[in-house]
Protein backbone atom coordinates (compact mmCIF):
# COMPACT_ATOMS: atom_id res chain seq x y z
CA MET A 1 27.75 -23.53 -12.45
CA HIS A 2 25.76 -25.11 -15.28
CA ARG A 3 26.38 -23.58 -18.72
CA TYR A 4 23.25 -22.24 -20.38
CA LYS A 5 22.38 -20.59 -23.64
CA LYS A 6 20.18 -17.60 -22.91
CA SER A 7 17.55 -18.87 -25.30
CA SER A 8 17.25 -22.08 -23.32
CA VAL A 9 17.08 -20.53 -19.84
CA THR A 10 13.92 -20.64 -17.78
CA VAL A 11 13.82 -18.73 -14.48
CA ASN A 12 11.10 -19.83 -12.10
CA ILE A 13 10.20 -18.59 -8.62
CA ARG A 14 8.43 -20.96 -6.26
CA LYS A 15 7.71 -21.38 -2.56
CA ALA A 16 10.52 -23.03 -0.64
CA LYS A 17 10.15 -26.70 0.27
CA ALA A 18 11.62 -28.58 3.21
CA GLY A 19 14.44 -29.85 1.01
CA ASP A 20 15.65 -26.28 0.36
CA VAL A 21 16.80 -25.67 3.91
CA ASP A 22 20.45 -26.59 3.26
CA PHE A 23 20.62 -24.33 0.18
CA VAL A 24 19.13 -21.38 2.07
CA SER A 25 21.30 -21.99 5.14
CA ARG A 26 24.49 -22.17 3.08
CA LEU A 27 23.57 -19.10 1.03
CA MET A 28 22.77 -17.00 4.11
CA THR A 29 25.90 -18.07 5.98
CA GLU A 30 28.28 -17.38 3.09
CA THR A 31 26.67 -14.09 2.04
CA LEU A 32 25.74 -12.49 5.36
CA GLY A 33 28.86 -13.44 7.33
CA PRO A 34 31.07 -10.55 6.13
CA PHE A 35 28.44 -7.96 7.08
CA TYR A 36 26.58 -9.36 10.10
CA ASN A 37 27.53 -11.06 13.34
CA GLY A 38 25.40 -13.91 14.69
CA ASP A 39 24.52 -17.50 13.87
CA HIS A 40 23.19 -17.39 10.33
CA ARG A 41 22.43 -21.11 10.25
CA ALA A 42 20.19 -20.68 13.29
CA HIS A 43 18.56 -17.70 11.58
CA ALA A 44 17.90 -19.81 8.48
CA ARG A 45 16.39 -22.62 10.58
CA ARG A 46 14.12 -20.17 12.41
CA ILE A 47 12.68 -18.57 9.28
CA PHE A 48 12.32 -21.97 7.65
CA THR A 49 10.39 -23.25 10.64
CA ALA A 50 7.99 -20.31 10.34
CA HIS A 51 7.65 -20.83 6.59
CA ILE A 52 6.86 -24.55 6.92
CA ASN A 53 4.56 -23.96 9.92
CA ASN A 54 1.80 -22.36 7.81
CA ASN A 55 3.95 -19.22 7.50
CA VAL A 56 3.39 -18.33 11.17
CA ASP A 57 6.24 -16.94 13.29
CA SER A 58 5.53 -18.12 16.83
CA VAL A 59 8.05 -15.77 18.45
CA GLY A 60 7.79 -12.55 16.43
CA GLN A 61 5.98 -9.54 17.92
CA PHE A 62 5.18 -7.70 14.69
CA SER A 63 5.53 -10.61 12.27
CA LEU A 64 2.17 -11.71 10.85
CA LEU A 65 3.31 -14.13 8.13
CA GLN A 66 6.68 -15.35 6.81
CA TYR A 67 7.42 -16.80 3.38
CA ILE A 68 10.56 -18.04 1.64
CA PHE A 69 10.73 -18.21 -2.14
CA ILE A 70 13.39 -19.91 -4.27
CA ALA A 71 14.55 -18.72 -7.69
CA GLU A 72 15.45 -21.57 -10.02
CA VAL A 73 17.33 -21.54 -13.32
CA ASN A 74 16.28 -24.57 -15.34
CA HIS A 75 15.21 -26.24 -12.07
CA HIS A 76 18.52 -25.51 -10.29
CA PRO A 77 18.30 -23.26 -7.16
CA ALA A 78 19.91 -19.90 -7.90
CA GLY A 79 18.62 -17.49 -5.25
CA MET A 80 16.20 -16.89 -2.41
CA ILE A 81 14.08 -14.22 -0.80
CA HIS A 82 12.49 -14.17 2.64
CA LEU A 83 9.42 -11.96 3.01
CA VAL A 84 7.80 -10.98 6.30
CA VAL A 85 4.28 -9.55 6.33
CA LYS A 86 4.16 -7.14 9.26
CA LYS A 87 1.13 -6.34 11.40
CA GLN A 88 1.60 -2.64 10.64
CA GLY A 89 0.84 -3.16 6.95
CA THR A 90 4.33 -3.44 5.48
CA VAL A 91 6.52 -6.23 4.08
CA LYS A 92 10.16 -6.71 5.04
CA ILE A 93 12.75 -8.32 2.77
CA SER A 94 15.10 -10.22 5.06
CA PRO A 95 17.10 -11.18 3.01
CA LEU A 96 17.26 -11.36 -0.80
CA ILE A 97 20.32 -13.32 -1.98
CA VAL A 98 21.41 -14.52 -5.41
CA ALA A 99 23.91 -17.39 -5.44
CA PRO A 100 27.38 -16.08 -6.37
CA GLU A 101 27.61 -18.07 -9.60
CA TYR A 102 24.35 -16.54 -10.86
CA ARG A 103 24.93 -12.90 -9.95
CA GLY A 104 24.69 -10.57 -12.91
CA LYS A 105 23.09 -13.29 -15.01
CA PHE A 106 19.49 -13.84 -16.09
CA GLY A 107 18.11 -10.96 -13.97
CA ILE A 108 17.48 -13.19 -10.97
CA GLY A 109 17.70 -10.41 -8.37
CA SER A 110 15.28 -8.26 -10.37
CA LYS A 111 12.84 -11.14 -10.74
CA LEU A 112 12.94 -11.90 -7.01
CA LEU A 113 12.34 -8.25 -6.22
CA ARG A 114 9.46 -8.03 -8.68
CA HIS A 115 7.99 -11.14 -7.05
CA ALA A 116 8.29 -9.41 -3.67
CA GLU A 117 6.41 -6.36 -4.93
CA ASP A 118 3.63 -8.50 -6.39
CA PHE A 119 3.46 -10.46 -3.14
CA ALA A 120 3.26 -7.28 -1.06
CA ARG A 121 0.48 -5.82 -3.19
CA LYS A 122 -1.43 -9.10 -3.03
CA HIS A 123 -1.33 -8.78 0.77
CA HIS A 124 -2.59 -5.17 0.54
CA THR A 125 0.48 -3.64 2.18
CA ARG A 126 1.66 -0.10 1.51
CA GLN A 127 5.44 -0.49 1.60
CA LEU A 128 8.41 -2.81 1.09
CA TYR A 129 11.45 -2.23 3.27
CA CYS A 130 14.80 -3.79 4.05
CA THR A 131 18.21 -3.08 5.49
CA VAL A 132 21.55 -3.60 3.77
CA ALA A 133 25.14 -3.05 4.84
CA ALA A 134 26.55 0.20 3.48
CA GLN A 135 29.71 -1.68 2.57
CA ASN A 136 27.63 -4.03 0.38
CA GLN A 137 27.61 -1.46 -2.39
CA ALA A 138 26.41 -3.78 -5.15
CA THR A 139 23.18 -4.58 -3.32
CA PHE A 140 22.73 -1.02 -2.05
CA LYS A 141 23.01 0.47 -5.55
CA PHE A 142 20.77 -2.27 -6.97
CA LEU A 143 17.99 -1.36 -4.54
CA LEU A 144 18.31 2.36 -5.30
CA ARG A 145 18.02 1.61 -9.03
CA LYS A 146 14.85 -0.34 -8.28
CA GLY A 147 13.15 2.63 -6.67
CA PHE A 148 14.03 2.19 -3.00
CA HIS A 149 14.68 5.32 -0.93
CA LEU A 150 17.32 5.68 1.76
CA ALA A 151 15.63 6.27 5.11
CA GLY A 152 18.80 6.47 7.19
CA LYS A 153 22.02 4.82 8.28
CA ALA A 154 23.00 3.22 11.61
CA GLN A 155 26.67 2.96 12.53
CA ASP A 156 28.11 -0.34 13.82
CA HIS A 157 24.59 -1.75 13.86
CA TYR A 158 24.89 -5.52 13.36
CA LYS A 159 28.68 -5.74 13.29
CA PRO A 160 31.44 -3.35 14.45
CA GLY A 161 32.77 -1.35 11.53
CA ILE A 162 29.75 -2.10 9.35
CA ASP A 163 27.04 0.53 8.88
CA GLU A 164 23.48 -0.52 8.12
CA CYS A 165 21.33 1.37 5.59
CA MET A 166 17.55 1.40 5.95
CA LEU A 167 15.63 1.51 2.66
CA TYR A 168 11.97 1.45 1.68
CA LYS A 169 9.79 1.54 -1.43
CA PRO A 170 6.19 2.80 -1.35
CA LEU A 171 3.80 0.53 -3.22
CA SER A 172 1.15 3.10 -4.07
CA GLN A 173 1.03 4.56 -7.55
CA SER A 174 3.78 6.98 -8.46
CA THR A 175 3.73 10.07 -6.29
CA THR A 176 5.64 12.17 -8.82
CA PRO A 177 3.19 14.89 -9.81
CA GLY A 178 2.52 16.46 -13.16
CA LEU A 179 4.50 19.67 -13.29
CA SER A 180 3.12 21.34 -16.40
CA ASP A 181 0.88 23.89 -14.69
CA ILE A 182 3.37 25.02 -12.01
CA SER A 183 6.11 27.52 -12.79
CA ILE A 184 9.07 28.53 -10.64
CA VAL A 185 10.11 32.13 -11.19
CA PRO A 186 12.41 34.64 -9.46
CA PHE A 187 10.70 36.79 -6.85
CA ASP A 188 9.19 40.00 -8.25
CA GLU A 189 8.81 42.49 -5.41
CA LYS A 190 6.02 44.46 -7.08
CA LYS A 191 4.08 41.40 -8.13
CA HIS A 192 4.62 38.85 -5.35
CA THR A 193 5.20 40.70 -2.07
CA ALA A 194 1.74 40.57 -0.50
CA ALA A 195 0.95 36.95 -1.40
CA THR A 196 4.43 35.80 -0.38
CA ARG A 197 4.08 37.46 3.00
CA ARG A 198 0.68 35.85 3.62
CA LEU A 199 1.89 32.38 2.67
CA ILE A 200 4.99 32.52 4.87
CA LEU A 201 3.06 33.76 7.90
CA SER A 202 0.32 31.16 7.45
CA GLN A 203 2.75 28.21 7.31
CA VAL A 204 5.82 29.16 9.32
CA GLY A 205 5.01 31.79 11.90
CA SER A 206 3.41 29.64 14.62
CA SER A 207 6.19 27.01 14.65
CA PHE A 208 9.23 29.29 14.43
CA TYR A 209 9.44 32.12 16.95
CA GLY A 210 10.69 35.30 15.33
CA VAL A 211 9.16 34.64 11.92
CA ASN A 212 6.92 37.68 11.62
CA ASN A 213 6.45 40.69 9.39
CA ALA A 214 9.80 42.16 10.44
CA TRP A 215 11.55 38.87 9.59
CA ILE A 216 9.91 38.87 6.16
CA ASP A 217 10.97 42.51 5.62
CA THR A 218 14.55 41.40 6.31
CA LEU A 219 14.15 38.56 3.80
CA PHE A 220 13.02 41.02 1.12
CA ALA A 221 15.84 43.44 1.98
CA GLY A 222 18.38 40.63 1.61
CA TYR A 223 16.96 39.87 -1.82
CA ARG A 224 17.72 43.44 -2.90
CA ARG A 225 21.40 42.84 -2.01
CA ARG A 226 21.74 39.73 -4.18
CA GLU A 227 23.61 41.31 -7.11
CA GLY A 228 26.89 41.58 -5.18
CA ARG A 229 26.91 37.90 -4.14
CA ASN A 230 28.75 38.87 -0.96
CA VAL A 231 27.92 36.28 1.71
CA ASP A 232 28.90 38.71 4.47
CA THR A 233 25.92 40.87 3.52
CA LYS A 234 23.63 37.87 4.09
CA TYR A 235 22.02 38.38 0.72
CA LYS A 236 19.01 36.26 -0.18
CA LEU A 237 17.65 34.47 -3.20
CA ILE A 238 13.88 34.04 -3.45
CA PHE A 239 11.93 31.87 -5.87
CA ILE A 240 8.18 31.71 -6.26
CA ALA A 241 6.02 28.78 -7.39
CA GLU A 242 3.11 30.07 -9.46
CA GLN A 243 -0.04 28.26 -10.50
CA ASP A 244 -2.77 30.07 -12.45
CA ARG A 245 -0.79 33.29 -11.76
CA LYS A 246 -1.13 32.80 -8.02
CA VAL A 247 1.66 32.35 -5.47
CA VAL A 248 1.49 28.73 -4.27
CA GLY A 249 5.03 28.23 -2.95
CA VAL A 250 8.03 30.19 -1.69
CA VAL A 251 11.72 29.34 -1.34
CA GLY A 252 14.16 31.63 0.43
CA ALA A 253 17.87 30.82 0.18
CA THR A 254 20.83 32.29 2.07
CA PRO A 255 24.32 31.45 0.70
CA LYS A 256 26.87 30.87 3.49
CA LYS A 257 30.65 30.84 3.83
CA GLY A 258 32.07 27.61 2.43
CA GLN A 259 29.25 27.42 -0.14
CA PRO A 260 26.37 25.75 1.68
CA ILE A 261 22.97 27.38 1.30
CA LYS A 262 20.35 27.53 4.02
CA ILE A 263 16.82 27.14 2.66
CA MET A 264 14.32 29.11 4.72
CA PRO A 265 11.47 29.41 4.18
CA LEU A 266 10.35 26.43 2.13
CA VAL A 267 6.57 26.62 2.03
CA ALA A 268 3.95 25.27 -0.35
CA LYS A 269 0.18 25.18 -0.53
CA SER A 270 0.05 21.51 -1.56
CA GLU A 271 2.07 18.31 -1.70
CA THR A 272 2.45 18.74 -5.46
CA VAL A 273 3.91 22.23 -5.13
CA PHE A 274 6.28 21.09 -2.38
CA GLU A 275 7.52 18.28 -4.65
CA VAL A 276 8.04 20.66 -7.55
CA LEU A 277 10.11 23.00 -5.37
CA VAL A 278 12.23 20.21 -3.88
CA ALA A 279 12.81 18.66 -7.31
CA ASN A 280 14.02 21.95 -8.79
CA LEU A 281 16.13 23.34 -5.94
CA PRO A 282 19.43 21.73 -7.07
CA GLN A 283 19.17 23.23 -10.56
CA LEU A 284 18.04 26.62 -9.25
CA LEU A 285 20.90 26.92 -6.78
CA ALA A 286 23.75 24.93 -8.35
CA GLY A 287 25.46 28.11 -9.49
CA TYR A 288 25.66 29.38 -5.92
CA SER A 289 26.38 26.33 -3.80
CA ARG A 290 27.68 22.79 -3.47
CA LYS A 291 25.27 21.80 -0.69
CA LEU A 292 21.76 22.71 0.52
CA TYR A 293 20.20 22.40 3.95
CA VAL A 294 16.79 23.24 5.34
CA HIS A 295 15.16 23.46 8.78
CA LEU A 296 11.67 21.97 8.88
CA ILE A 297 9.05 20.40 11.10
CA PRO A 298 8.05 17.95 8.39
CA GLU A 299 4.92 15.91 7.86
CA PRO A 300 5.43 12.24 6.83
CA TRP A 301 4.69 13.08 3.19
CA GLN A 302 7.33 15.81 3.25
CA ILE A 303 9.91 13.37 4.64
CA ALA A 304 9.04 10.89 1.88
CA CYS A 305 9.40 13.64 -0.73
CA LEU A 306 12.81 14.73 0.57
CA GLN A 307 14.05 11.14 0.62
CA ARG A 308 12.79 10.56 -2.93
CA HIS A 309 15.02 13.41 -4.06
CA GLY A 310 18.12 12.30 -2.17
CA TRP A 311 17.94 14.49 0.94
CA THR A 312 19.06 13.00 4.26
CA ILE A 313 18.38 14.03 7.82
CA GLU A 314 21.40 15.69 9.46
CA GLY A 315 20.23 16.79 12.89
CA LEU A 316 17.46 17.39 15.40
CA PHE A 317 17.04 20.63 17.34
CA PRO A 318 14.70 20.27 20.35
CA GLU A 319 13.17 23.69 21.07
CA GLY A 320 15.67 25.30 18.69
CA TYR A 321 13.03 27.63 17.27
CA ALA A 322 10.08 27.30 19.65
CA LEU A 323 9.08 25.66 22.93
CA ASP A 324 7.90 22.04 22.70
CA VAL A 325 8.88 21.84 19.02
CA THR A 326 11.72 19.81 17.50
CA VAL A 327 13.09 21.08 14.21
CA GLN A 328 14.85 18.75 11.78
CA GLN A 329 17.78 19.66 9.54
CA TRP A 330 17.82 17.97 6.14
CA GLY A 331 20.70 18.27 3.68
CA LEU A 332 21.52 17.58 0.03
CA ARG A 333 24.83 17.62 -1.80
CA ILE A 334 24.35 19.12 -5.25
CA LYS A 335 25.57 16.79 -7.98
CA LYS A 336 28.66 17.91 -9.88
CA ARG A 337 26.84 17.74 -13.20
CA ASP A 338 24.28 20.30 -11.95
CA ILE A 339 27.06 22.63 -10.79
CA LYS A 340 28.88 22.26 -14.13
CA LYS A 341 25.67 22.89 -16.07
CA ALA A 342 25.00 26.05 -14.04
CA ARG A 343 28.53 27.37 -14.63
CA ASN A 344 28.31 26.71 -18.38
CA SER A 345 24.97 28.52 -18.46
CA VAL A 346 26.55 31.60 -16.87
CA ARG A 347 29.47 31.55 -19.34
CA SER A 348 27.15 31.28 -22.33
CA LYS A 349 25.19 34.40 -21.44
CA PRO A 350 26.07 37.45 -23.62
């Protein structure tokens, strides 16, 4: 590797030229081999052919355009990224690689990724996505730090013994809402009962057989048993989201043996309220549990919200609650720091 003083380093990103094919082929073969089966030189030739041929992939079904960009450090090739504009309005990174001798230096990976985001926005797409081997922890953690969300994991996907993680990053403006006008408070039976009942029935009842007034009465009765913290009594915790003194969201939580907590219901009048509830659940329940799970029939925006906050899908239940309806189970492990903070808070109370 060439020795550079940081003050004299110039990092440039440009479109690949025909003479870059050997660099890209070597980089892909050396980097992808441990995690993926297949002929990586042939892969490099194929994407290069599309790039040189006016960026058109003649064999791809969903591929609209393909581009390869090269990162240079003082005019020496140091990394590459291949971007595929998809017909469905997304851009795939496949792959992004920094040459080994340049990793951790000069921010090349970050610059390539920033270039990809600018490229994707220029092409009016809504999302960047990619896959990365779970065992490639350096790249996986890098993408999470850069705002990518884990969509799922496929076992033995491209190579036996290697799991493939699917990640994506929305390109719209930040979806994190302002939280200042929404409060989360413990359920007050005198104050919240009627509005809580109405909200649960309006959002849950039709999709989950058995969720009716009697079910809600049982929820409230379980809340009255909460002081003993005896899981065999099936006690409940209930939290209310308030906005302008009105009930706009409800969380019911049932602690279980082994310290998971089942969240049901989880209802909100808006996307913002749902996000506020999901964002605060770990802190609200850390003193009771090490893990949360919820049963939902989620909308796409709810899935995106859960993934933003680290939840992962754990199971599918066809007709588990109602005919012709598939319920999803999503789970979240509560971080140790949240559990520790909750325990310290309990100890500090007089």
